[in-house]
Amino acid sequence: MNKGVKTIIYPVKDMTQSKTLFRKLLEVEPYADQPYYVGFKIADQDIGLVPNGSNAGMTAFYHVDDIKNSLQILVNAGSEIIQDVKNVGGGRLVASVKDNDGNIIGLVQN
């Protein structure tokens, strides 16, 4: 069962400047503040900042119950794997594809 888009990742060039901008915009402090990821939580929505990803563009991540099955569905529909299933810590799995239009689609399984 898919749970919808709950995570949006913004690639940033200047993490310090971007953290300040999102703190002011969202009016919350980050729940995660690491050199590789800064995360803000608004209700059940995650807004993440990642460094050195300016060429990747913004990515919306769909939260799913079975990431391998969801990834296979996307591949069968013609998408190209960018990042195969990867454990990013705490049991959280992520993957991403590029669809036929060049859009990046991310998947997350907790």
Protein backbone atom coordinates (compact mmCIF):
# COMPACT_ATOMS: atom_id res chain seq x y z
CA MET A 1 0.00 0.00 0.00
CA ASN A 2 1.42 3.38 -0.98
CA LYS A 3 1.22 6.12 1.59
CA GLY A 4 1.78 9.07 -0.72
CA VAL A 5 4.42 11.75 -0.98
CA LYS A 6 5.66 12.55 2.51
CA THR A 7 9.27 13.55 1.85
CA ILE A 8 10.60 16.27 -0.42
CA ILE A 9 14.35 16.64 -0.84
CA TYR A 10 15.94 19.91 -1.94
CA PRO A 11 19.57 19.80 -3.13
CA VAL A 12 21.42 22.87 -1.86
CA LYS A 13 24.75 24.54 -2.53
CA ASP A 14 25.02 26.43 0.78
CA MET A 15 23.67 24.34 3.67
CA THR A 16 24.01 27.12 6.25
CA GLN A 17 22.10 29.62 4.14
CA SER A 18 19.44 27.06 3.21
CA LYS A 19 18.93 25.98 6.85
CA THR A 20 18.34 29.61 7.80
CA LEU A 21 15.91 30.09 4.92
CA PHE A 22 13.85 26.97 5.78
CA ARG A 23 13.89 27.72 9.53
CA LYS A 24 12.33 31.09 8.80
CA LEU A 25 9.94 29.81 6.13
CA LEU A 26 8.68 26.80 8.09
CA GLU A 27 9.01 28.42 11.55
CA VAL A 28 10.48 25.23 13.05
CA GLU A 29 13.91 23.94 13.98
CA PRO A 30 15.30 20.95 12.11
CA TYR A 31 14.72 17.53 13.70
CA ALA A 32 17.88 16.24 11.96
CA ASP A 33 20.95 18.41 11.48
CA GLN A 34 23.87 16.51 9.97
CA PRO A 35 26.42 17.54 7.34
CA TYR A 36 24.79 15.12 4.85
CA TYR A 37 21.11 15.88 5.66
CA VAL A 38 19.03 18.51 7.41
CA GLY A 39 15.40 17.58 7.96
CA PHE A 40 12.37 19.62 8.95
CA LYS A 41 9.04 18.06 9.97
CA ILE A 42 5.70 19.80 9.34
CA ALA A 43 2.79 17.58 10.45
CA ASP A 44 3.56 14.30 8.62
CA GLN A 45 5.62 16.00 5.88
CA ASP A 46 9.44 15.83 5.77
CA ILE A 47 11.37 18.59 4.06
CA GLY A 48 15.00 17.60 3.61
CA LEU A 49 18.09 19.51 2.50
CA VAL A 50 21.07 17.65 1.01
CA PRO A 51 24.41 19.21 0.06
CA ASN A 52 26.10 19.04 -3.32
CA GLY A 53 23.05 17.78 -5.14
CA SER A 54 22.33 20.83 -7.27
CA ASN A 55 22.39 18.83 -10.51
CA ALA A 56 19.86 16.27 -9.26
CA GLY A 57 16.95 18.65 -8.79
CA MET A 58 14.21 18.42 -6.22
CA THR A 59 12.89 14.91 -5.57
CA ALA A 60 9.56 13.87 -4.09
CA PHE A 61 9.68 10.57 -2.21
CA TYR A 62 6.67 8.26 -2.12
CA HIS A 63 6.41 6.29 1.10
CA VAL A 64 5.61 2.65 0.34
CA ASP A 65 5.21 -0.60 2.27
CA ASP A 66 7.23 -2.76 -0.18
CA ILE A 67 10.05 -0.80 -1.80
CA LYS A 68 11.36 -3.68 -3.94
CA ASN A 69 7.92 -4.33 -5.42
CA SER A 70 7.29 -0.61 -6.00
CA LEU A 71 10.70 -0.22 -7.65
CA GLN A 72 9.99 -3.18 -9.94
CA ILE A 73 6.62 -1.68 -10.94
CA LEU A 74 8.38 1.55 -11.96
CA VAL A 75 11.07 -0.34 -13.92
CA ASN A 76 8.43 -2.46 -15.66
CA ALA A 77 6.71 0.79 -16.69
CA GLY A 78 9.91 1.98 -18.38
CA SER A 79 11.70 3.88 -15.61
CA GLU A 80 15.48 3.72 -15.22
CA ILE A 81 17.01 3.00 -11.81
CA ILE A 82 19.14 5.87 -10.52
CA GLN A 83 19.63 4.52 -6.98
CA ASP A 84 18.85 0.88 -6.23
CA VAL A 85 17.40 0.01 -2.81
CA LYS A 86 19.78 1.29 -0.15
CA ASN A 87 19.60 1.22 3.65
CA VAL A 88 20.29 4.77 4.84
CA GLY A 89 20.18 3.87 8.53
CA GLY A 90 17.64 2.94 11.13
CA GLY A 91 16.03 0.42 8.79
CA ARG A 92 14.96 3.15 6.34
CA LEU A 93 15.29 2.05 2.72
CA VAL A 94 15.40 4.44 -0.23
CA ALA A 95 15.55 4.07 -4.00
CA SER A 96 15.01 6.36 -6.99
CA VAL A 97 14.27 6.15 -10.69
CA LYS A 98 14.05 8.46 -13.68
CA ASP A 99 10.79 8.12 -15.60
CA ASN A 100 10.36 8.41 -19.37
CA ASP A 101 9.96 12.19 -19.06
CA GLY A 102 13.18 12.61 -17.07
CA ASN A 103 11.42 13.14 -13.73
CA ILE A 104 13.07 11.68 -10.64
CA ILE A 105 10.76 9.56 -8.47
CA GLY A 106 11.98 8.55 -5.03
CA LEU A 107 10.74 5.69 -2.86
CA VAL A 108 11.03 5.30 0.93
CA GLN A 109 10.22 2.32 3.11
CA ASN A 110 10.48 2.68 6.88
